[in-house]
Amino acid sequence: MSEVRVVQRRRSRIEVEKLVAEFEASGLRRDAFCQQRGLSVAALDKYRRRVHQVPRPSATQMVPVEVIASAPEQASGDAGGVLVVGLRSGRRIEVHRGFDAATLERLLTVVDRA
């Protein structure tokens, strides 16, 4: 008695991106879309995570930085010496002169995990 197995080929990155875009444009629930396409819900979820995953820079990878000159009214007083880090998520971290470096390091560790 012989066993028959269906071996599916691996989808390319472009095929995965197209499939996810079609799902998101379809307005269908995941199970309905997957049933139409002969795809498991788990596979669609994996593809969606892969497509929407924001690549994190490695420790040696350079990231773009924008240096913004202070406005004249901020140049004097307590506003001077402020470091602002804008994250891709839209969150901002502001560090003022005299900050606690250990606390900032713990905060960045938590943000990196998110």
N, C-alpha and C. Protein backbone atom coordinates (compact mmCIF):
# COMPACT_ATOMS: atom_id res chain seq x y z
N MET A 1 0.84 -1.18 0.00
CA MET A 1 0.00 0.00 0.00
C MET A 1 0.89 1.24 0.00
N SER A 2 0.69 2.13 -0.97
CA SER A 2 1.52 3.33 -1.07
C SER A 2 0.78 4.53 -0.50
N GLU A 3 1.55 5.42 0.03
CA GLU A 3 0.99 6.64 0.63
C GLU A 3 1.19 7.79 -0.34
N VAL A 4 0.17 8.58 -0.52
CA VAL A 4 0.25 9.73 -1.41
C VAL A 4 0.30 10.99 -0.56
N ARG A 5 1.31 11.80 -0.81
CA ARG A 5 1.44 13.07 -0.10
C ARG A 5 1.46 14.20 -1.10
N VAL A 6 0.78 15.27 -0.75
CA VAL A 6 0.82 16.47 -1.58
C VAL A 6 1.88 17.38 -1.00
N VAL A 7 2.87 17.68 -1.78
CA VAL A 7 3.94 18.57 -1.35
C VAL A 7 3.74 19.91 -2.03
N GLN A 8 3.53 20.92 -1.21
CA GLN A 8 3.31 22.26 -1.77
C GLN A 8 4.64 23.00 -1.79
N ARG A 9 4.84 23.73 -2.87
CA ARG A 9 6.08 24.49 -2.96
C ARG A 9 6.00 25.72 -2.07
N ARG A 10 7.13 26.21 -1.71
CA ARG A 10 7.23 27.38 -0.86
C ARG A 10 6.88 28.62 -1.67
N ARG A 11 6.07 29.51 -1.09
CA ARG A 11 5.69 30.75 -1.79
C ARG A 11 6.83 31.76 -1.71
N SER A 12 7.01 32.50 -2.78
CA SER A 12 8.04 33.54 -2.80
C SER A 12 7.56 34.73 -1.97
N ARG A 13 8.49 35.63 -1.66
CA ARG A 13 8.16 36.83 -0.90
C ARG A 13 7.11 37.65 -1.63
N ILE A 14 7.23 37.76 -2.95
CA ILE A 14 6.27 38.53 -3.75
C ILE A 14 4.89 37.87 -3.72
N GLU A 15 4.85 36.55 -3.81
CA GLU A 15 3.56 35.84 -3.74
C GLU A 15 2.90 36.04 -2.38
N VAL A 16 3.71 35.99 -1.33
CA VAL A 16 3.18 36.18 0.03
C VAL A 16 2.63 37.60 0.18
N GLU A 17 3.37 38.60 -0.28
CA GLU A 17 2.91 39.98 -0.18
C GLU A 17 1.62 40.19 -0.96
N LYS A 18 1.53 39.58 -2.15
CA LYS A 18 0.32 39.70 -2.97
C LYS A 18 -0.86 39.03 -2.28
N LEU A 19 -0.64 37.86 -1.71
CA LEU A 19 -1.70 37.13 -1.01
C LEU A 19 -2.23 37.93 0.18
N VAL A 20 -1.33 38.51 0.95
CA VAL A 20 -1.73 39.32 2.11
C VAL A 20 -2.49 40.55 1.65
N ALA A 21 -2.03 41.21 0.60
CA ALA A 21 -2.73 42.39 0.08
C ALA A 21 -4.13 42.02 -0.42
N GLU A 22 -4.25 40.88 -1.08
CA GLU A 22 -5.56 40.43 -1.55
C GLU A 22 -6.50 40.14 -0.38
N PHE A 23 -5.97 39.52 0.67
CA PHE A 23 -6.80 39.26 1.84
C PHE A 23 -7.27 40.57 2.47
N GLU A 24 -6.36 41.50 2.66
CA GLU A 24 -6.71 42.76 3.32
C GLU A 24 -7.69 43.59 2.48
N ALA A 25 -7.63 43.46 1.17
CA ALA A 25 -8.55 44.20 0.29
C ALA A 25 -9.89 43.48 0.14
N SER A 26 -9.93 42.20 0.47
CA SER A 26 -11.13 41.40 0.22
C SER A 26 -12.30 41.71 1.15
N GLY A 27 -12.01 42.13 2.37
CA GLY A 27 -13.08 42.37 3.33
C GLY A 27 -13.63 41.07 3.93
N LEU A 28 -13.05 39.95 3.56
CA LEU A 28 -13.51 38.66 4.07
C LEU A 28 -12.88 38.35 5.41
N ARG A 29 -13.54 37.48 6.16
CA ARG A 29 -12.94 36.95 7.37
C ARG A 29 -11.81 36.02 6.96
N ARG A 30 -10.87 35.81 7.87
CA ARG A 30 -9.71 34.96 7.55
C ARG A 30 -10.13 33.57 7.10
N ASP A 31 -11.06 32.95 7.83
CA ASP A 31 -11.43 31.57 7.49
C ASP A 31 -12.09 31.49 6.11
N ALA A 32 -12.91 32.48 5.76
CA ALA A 32 -13.57 32.47 4.45
C ALA A 32 -12.54 32.67 3.33
N PHE A 33 -11.62 33.61 3.53
CA PHE A 33 -10.59 33.85 2.53
C PHE A 33 -9.72 32.61 2.34
N CYS A 34 -9.33 32.01 3.44
CA CYS A 34 -8.46 30.83 3.37
C CYS A 34 -9.17 29.66 2.70
N GLN A 35 -10.44 29.50 2.97
CA GLN A 35 -11.19 28.41 2.34
C GLN A 35 -11.24 28.61 0.83
N GLN A 36 -11.45 29.85 0.39
CA GLN A 36 -11.47 30.15 -1.05
C GLN A 36 -10.13 29.83 -1.71
N ARG A 37 -9.04 30.07 -1.00
CA ARG A 37 -7.70 29.95 -1.57
C ARG A 37 -7.04 28.60 -1.28
N GLY A 38 -7.72 27.74 -0.49
CA GLY A 38 -7.10 26.47 -0.15
C GLY A 38 -5.88 26.66 0.73
N LEU A 39 -5.99 27.56 1.67
CA LEU A 39 -4.88 27.97 2.53
C LEU A 39 -5.30 27.80 3.98
N SER A 40 -4.40 27.43 4.84
CA SER A 40 -4.75 27.34 6.25
C SER A 40 -4.72 28.72 6.89
N VAL A 41 -5.52 28.91 7.91
CA VAL A 41 -5.55 30.20 8.63
C VAL A 41 -4.18 30.45 9.26
N ALA A 42 -3.55 29.40 9.77
CA ALA A 42 -2.23 29.54 10.39
C ALA A 42 -1.21 30.06 9.38
N ALA A 43 -1.28 29.56 8.15
CA ALA A 43 -0.35 30.03 7.11
C ALA A 43 -0.60 31.50 6.79
N LEU A 44 -1.87 31.88 6.66
CA LEU A 44 -2.19 33.29 6.39
C LEU A 44 -1.69 34.18 7.52
N ASP A 45 -1.89 33.76 8.75
CA ASP A 45 -1.41 34.54 9.90
C ASP A 45 0.10 34.70 9.86
N LYS A 46 0.80 33.62 9.52
CA LYS A 46 2.26 33.67 9.43
C LYS A 46 2.69 34.64 8.33
N TYR A 47 2.01 34.59 7.20
CA TYR A 47 2.33 35.49 6.09
C TYR A 47 2.07 36.95 6.48
N ARG A 48 0.97 37.19 7.17
CA ARG A 48 0.64 38.56 7.58
C ARG A 48 1.68 39.10 8.56
N ARG A 49 2.12 38.27 9.51
CA ARG A 49 3.17 38.70 10.45
C ARG A 49 4.45 39.02 9.69
N ARG A 50 4.78 38.18 8.73
CA ARG A 50 6.02 38.37 7.97
C ARG A 50 5.96 39.68 7.16
N VAL A 51 4.83 39.95 6.53
CA VAL A 51 4.70 41.14 5.69
C VAL A 51 4.69 42.41 6.53
N HIS A 52 4.03 42.37 7.68
CA HIS A 52 3.88 43.58 8.49
C HIS A 52 4.97 43.75 9.54
N GLN A 53 5.90 42.82 9.59
CA GLN A 53 6.98 42.91 10.57
C GLN A 53 7.88 44.08 10.21
N VAL A 54 8.14 44.92 11.20
CA VAL A 54 9.04 46.05 11.00
C VAL A 54 10.45 45.55 11.30
N PRO A 55 11.33 45.64 10.32
CA PRO A 55 12.68 45.15 10.57
C PRO A 55 13.36 45.99 11.64
N ARG A 56 13.98 45.31 12.58
CA ARG A 56 14.70 46.02 13.64
C ARG A 56 16.16 46.11 13.25
N PRO A 57 16.75 47.27 13.44
CA PRO A 57 18.17 47.38 13.09
C PRO A 57 19.02 46.53 14.02
N SER A 58 20.05 45.93 13.49
CA SER A 58 20.96 45.16 14.32
C SER A 58 21.88 46.12 15.05
N ALA A 59 22.66 45.59 15.95
CA ALA A 59 23.55 46.44 16.74
C ALA A 59 24.56 47.17 15.86
N THR A 60 24.90 46.61 14.71
CA THR A 60 25.90 47.23 13.85
C THR A 60 25.28 47.98 12.67
N GLN A 61 23.97 47.94 12.53
CA GLN A 61 23.31 48.58 11.39
C GLN A 61 23.09 50.06 11.67
N MET A 62 23.34 50.87 10.67
CA MET A 62 23.12 52.31 10.80
C MET A 62 21.64 52.62 10.62
N VAL A 63 21.15 53.59 11.36
CA VAL A 63 19.77 54.04 11.21
C VAL A 63 19.80 55.53 10.88
N PRO A 64 18.82 56.00 10.08
CA PRO A 64 18.82 57.42 9.73
C PRO A 64 18.50 58.29 10.94
N VAL A 65 19.16 59.42 11.04
CA VAL A 65 18.96 60.36 12.13
C VAL A 65 18.76 61.73 11.52
N GLU A 66 17.80 62.46 12.04
CA GLU A 66 17.55 63.82 11.57
C GLU A 66 17.88 64.78 12.69
N VAL A 67 18.78 65.71 12.44
CA VAL A 67 19.15 66.72 13.43
C VAL A 67 18.34 67.96 13.14
N ILE A 68 17.59 68.41 14.16
CA ILE A 68 16.73 69.58 14.01
C ILE A 68 17.26 70.69 14.91
N ALA A 69 17.50 71.83 14.31
CA ALA A 69 17.99 72.98 15.09
C ALA A 69 16.88 73.45 16.03
N SER A 70 17.28 73.91 17.20
CA SER A 70 16.31 74.42 18.18
C SER A 70 15.71 75.72 17.68
N ALA A 71 14.45 75.91 17.99
CA ALA A 71 13.80 77.19 17.69
C ALA A 71 14.43 78.25 18.59
N PRO A 72 14.49 79.53 18.15
CA PRO A 72 15.14 80.57 18.96
C PRO A 72 14.60 80.66 20.38
N GLU A 73 13.28 80.50 20.56
CA GLU A 73 12.72 80.61 21.91
C GLU A 73 13.09 79.42 22.79
N GLN A 74 13.50 78.30 22.17
CA GLN A 74 13.90 77.14 22.96
C GLN A 74 15.40 77.16 23.27
N ALA A 75 16.14 77.99 22.60
CA ALA A 75 17.58 78.01 22.77
C ALA A 75 17.99 78.47 24.16
N SER A 76 17.14 79.23 24.82
CA SER A 76 17.46 79.68 26.16
C SER A 76 16.55 78.99 27.16
N GLY A 77 16.98 78.98 28.42
CA GLY A 77 16.14 78.39 29.46
C GLY A 77 16.32 76.88 29.55
N ASP A 78 15.31 76.21 30.12
CA ASP A 78 15.38 74.78 30.39
C ASP A 78 15.27 73.90 29.15
N ALA A 79 14.80 74.45 28.02
CA ALA A 79 14.59 73.63 26.83
C ALA A 79 15.89 73.19 26.20
N GLY A 80 17.00 73.88 26.49
CA GLY A 80 18.28 73.50 25.91
C GLY A 80 18.73 72.15 26.44
N GLY A 81 19.48 71.41 25.63
CA GLY A 81 20.01 70.14 26.09
C GLY A 81 19.00 69.01 26.12
N VAL A 82 17.95 69.11 25.32
CA VAL A 82 16.93 68.06 25.27
C VAL A 82 17.25 67.14 24.09
N LEU A 83 17.23 65.85 24.35
CA LEU A 83 17.42 64.85 23.31
C LEU A 83 16.08 64.19 23.07
N VAL A 84 15.61 64.21 21.82
CA VAL A 84 14.32 63.61 21.49
C VAL A 84 14.56 62.49 20.49
N VAL A 85 14.05 61.30 20.82
CA VAL A 85 14.16 60.14 19.93
C VAL A 85 12.75 59.83 19.44
N GLY A 86 12.54 59.93 18.13
CA GLY A 86 11.24 59.59 17.53
C GLY A 86 11.29 58.17 16.99
N LEU A 87 10.41 57.31 17.48
CA LEU A 87 10.39 55.92 17.06
C LEU A 87 9.48 55.73 15.86
N ARG A 88 9.68 54.67 15.10
CA ARG A 88 8.85 54.41 13.93
C ARG A 88 7.39 54.24 14.30
N SER A 89 7.13 53.81 15.51
CA SER A 89 5.75 53.60 15.95
C SER A 89 5.03 54.92 16.20
N GLY A 90 5.78 56.04 16.17
CA GLY A 90 5.18 57.33 16.45
C GLY A 90 5.44 57.79 17.89
N ARG A 91 5.92 56.91 18.72
CA ARG A 91 6.24 57.28 20.09
C ARG A 91 7.52 58.12 20.11
N ARG A 92 7.61 58.97 21.14
CA ARG A 92 8.79 59.83 21.30
C ARG A 92 9.35 59.64 22.69
N ILE A 93 10.64 59.68 22.78
CA ILE A 93 11.32 59.65 24.07
C ILE A 93 12.10 60.95 24.18
N GLU A 94 11.82 61.72 25.22
CA GLU A 94 12.54 62.97 25.45
C GLU A 94 13.42 62.81 26.69
N VAL A 95 14.67 63.18 26.54
CA VAL A 95 15.62 63.09 27.65
C VAL A 95 16.18 64.48 27.88
N HIS A 96 16.05 64.97 29.10
CA HIS A 96 16.53 66.31 29.45
C HIS A 96 17.89 66.22 30.13
N ARG A 97 18.55 67.33 30.15
CA ARG A 97 19.86 67.42 30.79
C ARG A 97 19.77 66.86 32.22
N GLY A 98 20.75 66.06 32.60
CA GLY A 98 20.77 65.50 33.95
C GLY A 98 19.97 64.21 34.08
N PHE A 99 19.62 63.57 32.99
CA PHE A 99 18.83 62.33 33.04
C PHE A 99 19.64 61.21 33.68
N ASP A 100 18.92 60.19 34.13
CA ASP A 100 19.55 59.00 34.72
C ASP A 100 19.80 57.99 33.60
N ALA A 101 21.05 57.78 33.25
CA ALA A 101 21.42 56.91 32.12
C ALA A 101 20.94 55.47 32.33
N ALA A 102 20.99 54.97 33.55
CA ALA A 102 20.56 53.58 33.81
C ALA A 102 19.07 53.42 33.55
N THR A 103 18.27 54.41 33.93
CA THR A 103 16.83 54.35 33.69
C THR A 103 16.54 54.39 32.19
N LEU A 104 17.24 55.26 31.46
CA LEU A 104 17.06 55.34 30.01
C LEU A 104 17.44 54.00 29.36
N GLU A 105 18.51 53.40 29.80
CA GLU A 105 18.93 52.12 29.23
C GLU A 105 17.87 51.04 29.47
N ARG A 106 17.28 51.00 30.66
CA ARG A 106 16.20 50.02 30.93
C ARG A 106 14.99 50.31 30.06
N LEU A 107 14.65 51.59 29.88
CA LEU A 107 13.52 51.97 29.03
C LEU A 107 13.75 51.51 27.59
N LEU A 108 14.93 51.73 27.06
CA LEU A 108 15.23 51.33 25.69
C LEU A 108 15.20 49.82 25.52
N THR A 109 15.60 49.08 26.54
CA THR A 109 15.52 47.62 26.49
C THR A 109 14.07 47.17 26.38
N VAL A 110 13.19 47.79 27.12
CA VAL A 110 11.76 47.45 27.06
C VAL A 110 11.18 47.83 25.71
N VAL A 111 11.55 49.00 25.19
CA VAL A 111 11.03 49.46 23.89
C VAL A 111 11.52 48.53 22.78
N ASP A 112 12.74 48.06 22.86
CA ASP A 112 13.27 47.14 21.85
C ASP A 112 12.49 45.83 21.80
N ARG A 113 11.95 45.39 22.92
CA ARG A 113 11.17 44.14 22.97
C ARG A 113 9.79 44.30 22.40
N ALA A 114 9.27 45.51 22.39
CA ALA A 114 7.87 45.76 21.95
C ALA A 114 7.73 45.65 20.47
